[in-house]
Amino acid sequence: MNQENFTVVIPAYNEEKTIRDIVERTLKQCKKVIVVDDGSSDGTIAELVNLPIDIIKHKTNQGKAASLWDGFQFALKNKNDFIITLDGDAQHAPEDINLLINDRVTYKNHIIIGARLADKESIPAKRYYANKIANFWIAWASGYPISDSQSGFRLYPVNLFDNLKISTSKNSSFVFESEVIIKAAKVDIYSHAVTIPAIYRDDARPSHFQGVRDITLITLMVGRSLISRGMYPQGLYRAVIKPMVLNIFK
């Protein structure tokens, strides 16, 4: 087990089929685990009985943004070097946590993201192309190339949360993680991708991510950010045009 001081935050909404297995495997990687139950209507809470973890319970469903934020605030009450997030639906393998931590040695003040898009054949086509569209916009607004802006498997440096102001409304559920990347870049905290397997189980519950709606909300958030910066042409050049030119002349 890695000896650095960190906490794992797991947002969960109706994850009774997978949550106990995910938490038990996570506890083998980290002794400090927080599960945020976002008003589940199934047996998610019952599955967590007798596990040595902290549980935050939302009385009603507030969305992933609020779940992550509440988990972060709870974790930040204790001394942490960083916080790791992973989803409760078994799309992320807790055993891959050390891949993110090992990358932190080189990119200490970065957000480390477990990126799945290299494993194209394992990803449903609609999700793959929705993520690619989101990557384009978020990379532009952030000013550097991004491999997988929608992965919830992340390592966050705790200093990112110093004075971070960001929406956690229910409409921000799947916008939150994208907006974090953009706001972090404005204070010189960037993201770095580590390749992980894409895990999509045949018996998985339907995704809470709704492609058209959520990509539209992400695009609107990015649009507001770009307009506020005069469309940020430098970001478009650094994130899209320059890498394209360099790739042509390789």
C-alpha atoms as a PDB file:
ATOM      1  CA  MET A   1       0.000   0.000   0.000  1.00  0.00           C
ATOM      2  CA  ASN A   2       1.243   3.459  -0.840  1.00  0.00           C
ATOM      3  CA  GLN A   3       2.118   5.320   2.365  1.00  0.00           C
ATOM      4  CA  GLU A   4       1.275   8.847   1.212  1.00  0.00           C
ATOM      5  CA  ASN A   5      -1.541  10.552   3.073  1.00  0.00           C
ATOM      6  CA  PHE A   6      -4.637  10.580   0.898  1.00  0.00           C
ATOM      7  CA  THR A   7      -8.371   9.940   0.919  1.00  0.00           C
ATOM      8  CA  VAL A   8     -10.556   8.241  -1.678  1.00  0.00           C
ATOM      9  CA  VAL A   9     -13.959   9.807  -2.371  1.00  0.00           C
ATOM     10  CA  ILE A  10     -16.607   7.643  -4.061  1.00  0.00           C
ATOM     11  CA  PRO A  11     -19.885   9.265  -5.173  1.00  0.00           C
ATOM     12  CA  ALA A  12     -22.703   6.725  -5.355  1.00  0.00           C
ATOM     13  CA  TYR A  13     -26.265   6.813  -6.643  1.00  0.00           C
ATOM     14  CA  ASN A  14     -28.181   3.521  -6.836  1.00  0.00           C
ATOM     15  CA  GLU A  15     -25.063   1.349  -6.925  1.00  0.00           C
ATOM     16  CA  GLU A  16     -26.246  -1.592  -4.791  1.00  0.00           C
ATOM     17  CA  LYS A  17     -24.898  -4.175  -7.262  1.00  0.00           C
ATOM     18  CA  THR A  18     -21.324  -2.907  -7.231  1.00  0.00           C
ATOM     19  CA  ILE A  19     -20.649  -0.555  -4.307  1.00  0.00           C
ATOM     20  CA  ARG A  20     -19.583  -3.065  -1.630  1.00  0.00           C
ATOM     21  CA  ASP A  21     -17.110  -4.814  -3.908  1.00  0.00           C
ATOM     22  CA  ILE A  22     -15.656  -1.467  -5.041  1.00  0.00           C
ATOM     23  CA  VAL A  23     -15.290  -0.184  -1.473  1.00  0.00           C
ATOM     24  CA  GLU A  24     -13.738  -3.415  -0.164  1.00  0.00           C
ATOM     25  CA  ARG A  25     -11.187  -3.351  -2.989  1.00  0.00           C
ATOM     26  CA  THR A  26     -10.523   0.346  -2.412  1.00  0.00           C
ATOM     27  CA  LEU A  27      -9.843  -0.260   1.292  1.00  0.00           C
ATOM     28  CA  LYS A  28      -6.971  -2.531   0.259  1.00  0.00           C
ATOM     29  CA  GLN A  29      -5.409   0.504  -1.443  1.00  0.00           C
ATOM     30  CA  CYS A  30      -6.302   3.220   1.080  1.00  0.00           C
ATOM     31  CA  LYS A  31      -7.475   3.211   4.704  1.00  0.00           C
ATOM     32  CA  LYS A  32      -9.445   6.459   4.350  1.00  0.00           C
ATOM     33  CA  VAL A  33     -12.520   6.076   2.165  1.00  0.00           C
ATOM     34  CA  ILE A  34     -15.554   8.357   1.960  1.00  0.00           C
ATOM     35  CA  VAL A  35     -18.728   7.252   0.173  1.00  0.00           C
ATOM     36  CA  VAL A  36     -21.259   9.952  -0.639  1.00  0.00           C
ATOM     37  CA  ASP A  37     -24.681   8.377  -1.110  1.00  0.00           C
ATOM     38  CA  ASP A  38     -26.658  10.771  -3.287  1.00  0.00           C
ATOM     39  CA  GLY A  39     -30.179   9.945  -2.157  1.00  0.00           C
ATOM     40  CA  SER A  40     -30.155   6.370  -3.476  1.00  0.00           C
ATOM     41  CA  SER A  41     -33.557   4.657  -3.651  1.00  0.00           C
ATOM     42  CA  ASP A  42     -32.123   1.132  -3.739  1.00  0.00           C
ATOM     43  CA  GLY A  43     -30.006  -0.807  -1.232  1.00  0.00           C
ATOM     44  CA  THR A  44     -26.758   1.127  -1.661  1.00  0.00           C
ATOM     45  CA  ILE A  45     -26.576   2.167   1.999  1.00  0.00           C
ATOM     46  CA  ALA A  46     -27.392  -1.344   3.230  1.00  0.00           C
ATOM     47  CA  GLU A  47     -24.475  -2.705   1.204  1.00  0.00           C
ATOM     48  CA  LEU A  48     -22.069  -0.478   3.170  1.00  0.00           C
ATOM     49  CA  VAL A  49     -22.940  -1.836   6.619  1.00  0.00           C
ATOM     50  CA  ASN A  50     -19.933  -2.730   8.813  1.00  0.00           C
ATOM     51  CA  LEU A  51     -17.344  -1.294   6.442  1.00  0.00           C
ATOM     52  CA  PRO A  52     -14.680   0.955   8.095  1.00  0.00           C
ATOM     53  CA  ILE A  53     -15.506   4.030   6.023  1.00  0.00           C
ATOM     54  CA  ASP A  54     -17.109   7.453   6.373  1.00  0.00           C
ATOM     55  CA  ILE A  55     -20.531   7.826   4.774  1.00  0.00           C
ATOM     56  CA  ILE A  56     -22.214  11.081   3.778  1.00  0.00           C
ATOM     57  CA  LYS A  57     -25.943  10.685   3.101  1.00  0.00           C
ATOM     58  CA  HIS A  58     -27.949  13.061   0.931  1.00  0.00           C
ATOM     59  CA  LYS A  59     -31.644  12.904   1.764  1.00  0.00           C
ATOM     60  CA  THR A  60     -32.497  13.662  -1.870  1.00  0.00           C
ATOM     61  CA  ASN A  61     -30.596  13.283  -5.126  1.00  0.00           C
ATOM     62  CA  GLN A  62     -28.442  16.384  -5.567  1.00  0.00           C
ATOM     63  CA  GLY A  63     -26.241  15.282  -8.471  1.00  0.00           C
ATOM     64  CA  LYS A  64     -22.625  14.221  -8.852  1.00  0.00           C
ATOM     65  CA  ALA A  65     -21.221  17.744  -8.457  1.00  0.00           C
ATOM     66  CA  ALA A  66     -22.690  18.149  -4.962  1.00  0.00           C
ATOM     67  CA  SER A  67     -21.617  14.617  -4.024  1.00  0.00           C
ATOM     68  CA  LEU A  68     -18.013  15.229  -5.033  1.00  0.00           C
ATOM     69  CA  TRP A  69     -17.920  18.636  -3.381  1.00  0.00           C
ATOM     70  CA  ASP A  70     -19.279  17.321  -0.091  1.00  0.00           C
ATOM     71  CA  GLY A  71     -16.777  14.478  -0.197  1.00  0.00           C
ATOM     72  CA  PHE A  72     -13.934  16.917  -0.854  1.00  0.00           C
ATOM     73  CA  GLN A  73     -14.943  19.174   2.033  1.00  0.00           C
ATOM     74  CA  PHE A  74     -15.098  16.212   4.416  1.00  0.00           C
ATOM     75  CA  ALA A  75     -11.698  14.940   3.255  1.00  0.00           C
ATOM     76  CA  LEU A  76     -10.103  18.377   3.557  1.00  0.00           C
ATOM     77  CA  LYS A  77     -10.867  18.465   7.289  1.00  0.00           C
ATOM     78  CA  ASN A  78      -8.031  15.978   7.704  1.00  0.00           C
ATOM     79  CA  LYS A  79      -4.425  16.195   6.577  1.00  0.00           C
ATOM     80  CA  ASN A  80      -4.140  14.947   2.994  1.00  0.00           C
ATOM     81  CA  ASP A  81      -1.479  15.203   0.330  1.00  0.00           C
ATOM     82  CA  PHE A  82      -4.108  14.584  -2.337  1.00  0.00           C
ATOM     83  CA  ILE A  83      -7.620  13.217  -2.895  1.00  0.00           C
ATOM     84  CA  ILE A  84      -8.557  10.429  -5.310  1.00  0.00           C
ATOM     85  CA  THR A  85     -12.010  10.014  -6.805  1.00  0.00           C
ATOM     86  CA  LEU A  86     -13.479   6.949  -8.482  1.00  0.00           C
ATOM     87  CA  ASP A  87     -16.994   5.948  -9.448  1.00  0.00           C
ATOM     88  CA  GLY A  88     -19.083   3.373  -7.611  1.00  0.00           C
ATOM     89  CA  ASP A  89     -20.335   1.594 -10.735  1.00  0.00           C
ATOM     90  CA  ALA A  90     -17.211  -0.552 -11.249  1.00  0.00           C
ATOM     91  CA  GLN A  91     -16.011   1.359 -14.328  1.00  0.00           C
ATOM     92  CA  HIS A  92     -12.758   2.045 -12.469  1.00  0.00           C
ATOM     93  CA  ALA A  93     -10.541  -0.594 -10.877  1.00  0.00           C
ATOM     94  CA  PRO A  94      -9.346   0.458  -7.407  1.00  0.00           C
ATOM     95  CA  GLU A  95      -6.241  -1.626  -8.069  1.00  0.00           C
ATOM     96  CA  ASP A  96      -5.220   1.060 -10.604  1.00  0.00           C
ATOM     97  CA  ILE A  97      -4.956   3.746  -7.911  1.00  0.00           C
ATOM     98  CA  ASN A  98      -1.187   3.322  -7.782  1.00  0.00           C
ATOM     99  CA  LEU A  99      -0.966   4.165 -11.499  1.00  0.00           C
ATOM    100  CA  LEU A 100      -2.200   7.653 -10.628  1.00  0.00           C
ATOM    101  CA  ILE A 101      -0.021   7.944  -7.530  1.00  0.00           C
ATOM    102  CA  ASN A 102       3.108   6.826  -9.383  1.00  0.00           C
ATOM    103  CA  ASP A 103       2.495   9.477 -12.043  1.00  0.00           C
ATOM    104  CA  ARG A 104       2.299  12.099  -9.319  1.00  0.00           C
ATOM    105  CA  VAL A 105       6.036  11.663  -8.706  1.00  0.00           C
ATOM    106  CA  THR A 106       6.672  13.457 -12.022  1.00  0.00           C
ATOM    107  CA  TYR A 107       3.551  15.670 -12.084  1.00  0.00           C
ATOM    108  CA  LYS A 108       3.247  16.561  -8.407  1.00  0.00           C
ATOM    109  CA  ASN A 109       1.012  19.616  -8.718  1.00  0.00           C
ATOM    110  CA  HIS A 110      -1.180  18.206 -11.480  1.00  0.00           C
ATOM    111  CA  ILE A 111      -4.591  16.606 -11.660  1.00  0.00           C
ATOM    112  CA  ILE A 112      -3.852  13.026 -12.708  1.00  0.00           C
ATOM    113  CA  ILE A 113      -6.657  11.509 -14.802  1.00  0.00           C
ATOM    114  CA  GLY A 114      -7.165   7.832 -15.550  1.00  0.00           C
ATOM    115  CA  ALA A 115      -7.801   8.060 -19.302  1.00  0.00           C
ATOM    116  CA  ARG A 116      -9.829   5.377 -21.082  1.00  0.00           C
ATOM    117  CA  LEU A 117     -10.096   6.612 -24.674  1.00  0.00           C
ATOM    118  CA  ALA A 118      -7.021   4.719 -25.882  1.00  0.00           C
ATOM    119  CA  ASP A 119      -9.135   1.586 -25.332  1.00  0.00           C
ATOM    120  CA  LYS A 120     -11.617   2.573 -28.054  1.00  0.00           C
ATOM    121  CA  GLU A 121     -12.909  -0.928 -28.789  1.00  0.00           C
ATOM    122  CA  SER A 122     -14.151  -1.366 -25.198  1.00  0.00           C
ATOM    123  CA  ILE A 123     -16.152   1.883 -25.076  1.00  0.00           C
ATOM    124  CA  PRO A 124     -19.736   2.247 -26.380  1.00  0.00           C
ATOM    125  CA  ALA A 125     -19.532   4.346 -29.567  1.00  0.00           C
ATOM    126  CA  LYS A 126     -21.898   7.062 -28.331  1.00  0.00           C
ATOM    127  CA  ARG A 127     -19.865   7.539 -25.147  1.00  0.00           C
ATOM    128  CA  TYR A 128     -16.579   7.553 -27.056  1.00  0.00           C
ATOM    129  CA  TYR A 129     -17.592  10.282 -29.500  1.00  0.00           C
ATOM    130  CA  ALA A 130     -19.398  12.323 -26.837  1.00  0.00           C
ATOM    131  CA  ASN A 131     -16.171  12.309 -24.831  1.00  0.00           C
ATOM    132  CA  LYS A 132     -14.122  13.310 -27.872  1.00  0.00           C
ATOM    133  CA  ILE A 133     -16.414  16.320 -28.443  1.00  0.00           C
ATOM    134  CA  ALA A 134     -16.139  17.321 -24.790  1.00  0.00           C
ATOM    135  CA  ASN A 135     -12.340  16.949 -24.927  1.00  0.00           C
ATOM    136  CA  PHE A 136     -12.118  19.409 -27.835  1.00  0.00           C
ATOM    137  CA  TRP A 137     -14.032  22.164 -26.051  1.00  0.00           C
ATOM    138  CA  ILE A 138     -12.443  21.670 -22.650  1.00  0.00           C
ATOM    139  CA  ALA A 139      -8.936  21.521 -24.124  1.00  0.00           C
ATOM    140  CA  TRP A 140      -9.566  24.795 -25.954  1.00  0.00           C
ATOM    141  CA  ALA A 141     -10.805  26.526 -22.807  1.00  0.00           C
ATOM    142  CA  SER A 142      -7.936  25.081 -20.750  1.00  0.00           C
ATOM    143  CA  GLY A 143      -5.217  25.817 -23.296  1.00  0.00           C
ATOM    144  CA  TYR A 144      -3.619  22.375 -23.610  1.00  0.00           C
ATOM    145  CA  PRO A 145      -4.488  18.928 -25.083  1.00  0.00           C
ATOM    146  CA  ILE A 146      -6.664  16.684 -22.892  1.00  0.00           C
ATOM    147  CA  SER A 147      -7.080  12.931 -23.381  1.00  0.00           C
ATOM    148  CA  ASP A 148     -10.172  12.110 -21.305  1.00  0.00           C
ATOM    149  CA  SER A 149     -11.985  15.041 -19.727  1.00  0.00           C
ATOM    150  CA  GLN A 150     -14.938  12.894 -18.629  1.00  0.00           C
ATOM    151  CA  SER A 151     -13.165  10.258 -16.568  1.00  0.00           C
ATOM    152  CA  GLY A 152     -14.115  10.373 -12.897  1.00  0.00           C
ATOM    153  CA  PHE A 153     -11.013   8.415 -11.872  1.00  0.00           C
ATOM    154  CA  ARG A 154      -8.738  11.241 -10.746  1.00  0.00           C
ATOM    155  CA  LEU A 155      -6.064  12.382  -8.330  1.00  0.00           C
ATOM    156  CA  TYR A 156      -6.487  15.982  -7.159  1.00  0.00           C
ATOM    157  CA  PRO A 157      -3.739  17.981  -5.395  1.00  0.00           C
ATOM    158  CA  VAL A 158      -5.330  19.480  -2.278  1.00  0.00           C
ATOM    159  CA  ASN A 159      -4.089  23.000  -3.061  1.00  0.00           C
ATOM    160  CA  LEU A 160      -6.506  23.017  -6.011  1.00  0.00           C
ATOM    161  CA  PHE A 161      -9.320  23.595  -3.540  1.00  0.00           C
ATOM    162  CA  ASP A 162      -7.817  26.759  -2.070  1.00  0.00           C
ATOM    163  CA  ASN A 163     -10.402  29.448  -2.914  1.00  0.00           C
ATOM    164  CA  LEU A 164     -11.962  27.319  -5.686  1.00  0.00           C
ATOM    165  CA  LYS A 165     -15.378  28.708  -6.589  1.00  0.00           C
ATOM    166  CA  ILE A 166     -17.485  26.427  -8.744  1.00  0.00           C
ATOM    167  CA  SER A 167     -21.139  25.521  -9.220  1.00  0.00           C
ATOM    168  CA  THR A 168     -22.401  22.361  -7.540  1.00  0.00           C
ATOM    169  CA  SER A 169     -26.039  22.631  -8.618  1.00  0.00           C
ATOM    170  CA  LYS A 170     -27.830  19.545  -9.899  1.00  0.00           C
ATOM    171  CA  ASN A 171     -27.546  20.862 -13.460  1.00  0.00           C
ATOM    172  CA  SER A 172     -23.774  20.905 -12.927  1.00  0.00           C
ATOM    173  CA  SER A 173     -23.625  17.148 -12.228  1.00  0.00           C
ATOM    174  CA  PHE A 174     -21.484  16.207 -15.240  1.00  0.00           C
ATOM    175  CA  VAL A 175     -20.268  19.743 -15.906  1.00  0.00           C
ATOM    176  CA  PHE A 176     -18.419  19.930 -12.594  1.00  0.00           C
ATOM    177  CA  GLU A 177     -15.473  17.701 -13.469  1.00  0.00           C
ATOM    178  CA  SER A 178     -15.003  19.526 -16.778  1.00  0.00           C
ATOM    179  CA  GLU A 179     -15.170  22.945 -15.158  1.00  0.00           C
ATOM    180  CA  VAL A 180     -12.615  21.905 -12.529  1.00  0.00           C
ATOM    181  CA  ILE A 181     -10.079  21.268 -15.311  1.00  0.00           C
ATOM    182  CA  ILE A 182     -10.664  24.719 -16.825  1.00  0.00           C
ATOM    183  CA  LYS A 183     -10.559  26.587 -13.526  1.00  0.00           C
ATOM    184  CA  ALA A 184      -7.444  24.680 -12.456  1.00  0.00           C
ATOM    185  CA  ALA A 185      -5.596  25.713 -15.629  1.00  0.00           C
ATOM    186  CA  LYS A 186      -6.250  29.367 -14.790  1.00  0.00           C
ATOM    187  CA  VAL A 187      -4.148  28.939 -11.629  1.00  0.00           C
ATOM    188  CA  ASP A 188      -1.452  26.888 -13.398  1.00  0.00           C
ATOM    189  CA  ILE A 189      -2.657  23.468 -12.250  1.00  0.00           C
ATOM    190  CA  TYR A 190      -2.902  21.212 -15.286  1.00  0.00           C
ATOM    191  CA  SER A 191      -3.990  17.635 -15.886  1.00  0.00           C
ATOM    192  CA  HIS A 192      -1.948  14.668 -17.002  1.00  0.00           C
ATOM    193  CA  ALA A 193      -3.397  11.444 -18.371  1.00  0.00           C
ATOM    194  CA  VAL A 194      -2.508   7.910 -17.323  1.00  0.00           C
ATOM    195  CA  THR A 195      -3.893   5.149 -19.521  1.00  0.00           C
ATOM    196  CA  ILE A 196      -6.302   2.776 -17.769  1.00  0.00           C
ATOM    197  CA  PRO A 197      -8.568   0.028 -19.139  1.00  0.00           C
ATOM    198  CA  ALA A 198     -12.109   0.959 -20.156  1.00  0.00           C
ATOM    199  CA  ILE A 199     -14.445  -1.248 -18.104  1.00  0.00           C
ATOM    200  CA  TYR A 200     -18.033  -1.500 -19.335  1.00  0.00           C
ATOM    201  CA  ARG A 201     -19.799  -4.510 -17.814  1.00  0.00           C
ATOM    202  CA  ASP A 202     -22.641  -6.234 -19.660  1.00  0.00           C
ATOM    203  CA  ASP A 203     -24.754  -6.162 -16.473  1.00  0.00           C
ATOM    204  CA  ALA A 204     -23.962  -2.517 -15.639  1.00  0.00           C
ATOM    205  CA  ARG A 205     -26.822  -0.213 -14.714  1.00  0.00           C
ATOM    206  CA  PRO A 206     -27.698   2.472 -17.307  1.00  0.00           C
ATOM    207  CA  SER A 207     -25.253   5.360 -17.182  1.00  0.00           C
ATOM    208  CA  HIS A 208     -26.310   8.508 -15.334  1.00  0.00           C
ATOM    209  CA  PHE A 209     -24.451  10.424 -18.081  1.00  0.00           C
ATOM    210  CA  GLN A 210     -26.941  11.568 -20.734  1.00  0.00           C
ATOM    211  CA  GLY A 211     -24.883  12.254 -23.855  1.00  0.00           C
ATOM    212  CA  VAL A 212     -26.847  14.963 -25.653  1.00  0.00           C
ATOM    213  CA  ARG A 213     -28.001  16.815 -22.537  1.00  0.00           C
ATOM    214  CA  ASP A 214     -24.736  16.686 -20.648  1.00  0.00           C
ATOM    215  CA  ILE A 215     -22.493  17.485 -23.614  1.00  0.00           C
ATOM    216  CA  THR A 216     -24.791  20.445 -24.341  1.00  0.00           C
ATOM    217  CA  LEU A 217     -24.429  21.673 -20.748  1.00  0.00           C
ATOM    218  CA  ILE A 218     -20.658  21.214 -20.905  1.00  0.00           C
ATOM    219  CA  THR A 219     -20.476  23.089 -24.214  1.00  0.00           C
ATOM    220  CA  LEU A 220     -22.521  25.976 -22.792  1.00  0.00           C
ATOM    221  CA  MET A 221     -20.217  26.181 -19.756  1.00  0.00           C
ATOM    222  CA  VAL A 222     -17.146  26.181 -22.000  1.00  0.00           C
ATOM    223  CA  GLY A 223     -18.743  28.752 -24.289  1.00  0.00           C
ATOM    224  CA  ARG A 224     -19.243  31.136 -21.380  1.00  0.00           C
ATOM    225  CA  SER A 225     -15.622  30.632 -20.345  1.00  0.00           C
ATOM    226  CA  LEU A 226     -14.336  31.297 -23.869  1.00  0.00           C
ATOM    227  CA  ILE A 227     -16.513  34.378 -24.387  1.00  0.00           C
ATOM    228  CA  SER A 228     -15.279  35.831 -21.098  1.00  0.00           C
ATOM    229  CA  ARG A 229     -11.711  35.509 -22.455  1.00  0.00           C
ATOM    230  CA  GLY A 230     -12.358  36.866 -25.946  1.00  0.00           C
ATOM    231  CA  MET A 231     -12.685  33.303 -27.318  1.00  0.00           C
ATOM    232  CA  TYR A 232      -9.154  32.568 -26.054  1.00  0.00           C
ATOM    233  CA  PRO A 233      -7.393  32.031 -29.437  1.00  0.00           C
ATOM    234  CA  GLN A 234      -4.138  31.186 -27.631  1.00  0.00           C
ATOM    235  CA  GLY A 235      -5.891  28.240 -26.016  1.00  0.00           C
ATOM    236  CA  LEU A 236      -7.180  26.956 -29.368  1.00  0.00           C
ATOM    237  CA  TYR A 237      -3.667  27.206 -30.812  1.00  0.00           C
ATOM    238  CA  ARG A 238      -1.957  25.422 -27.907  1.00  0.00           C
ATOM    239  CA  ALA A 239      -4.609  22.743 -27.430  1.00  0.00           C
ATOM    240  CA  VAL A 240      -5.601  21.909 -31.010  1.00  0.00           C
ATOM    241  CA  ILE A 241      -3.664  23.599 -33.810  1.00  0.00           C
ATOM    242  CA  LYS A 242      -0.089  23.207 -32.539  1.00  0.00           C
ATOM    243  CA  PRO A 243      -0.430  19.481 -31.666  1.00  0.00           C
ATOM    244  CA  MET A 244      -2.052  18.881 -35.075  1.00  0.00           C
ATOM    245  CA  VAL A 245       0.820  20.610 -36.912  1.00  0.00           C
ATOM    246  CA  LEU A 246       3.456  18.778 -34.869  1.00  0.00           C
ATOM    247  CA  ASN A 247       1.753  15.466 -35.621  1.00  0.00           C
ATOM    248  CA  ILE A 248       1.752  16.184 -39.372  1.00  0.00           C
ATOM    249  CA  PHE A 249       5.490  16.852 -39.397  1.00  0.00           C
ATOM    250  CA  LYS A 250       6.512  13.920 -37.176  1.00  0.00           C
END
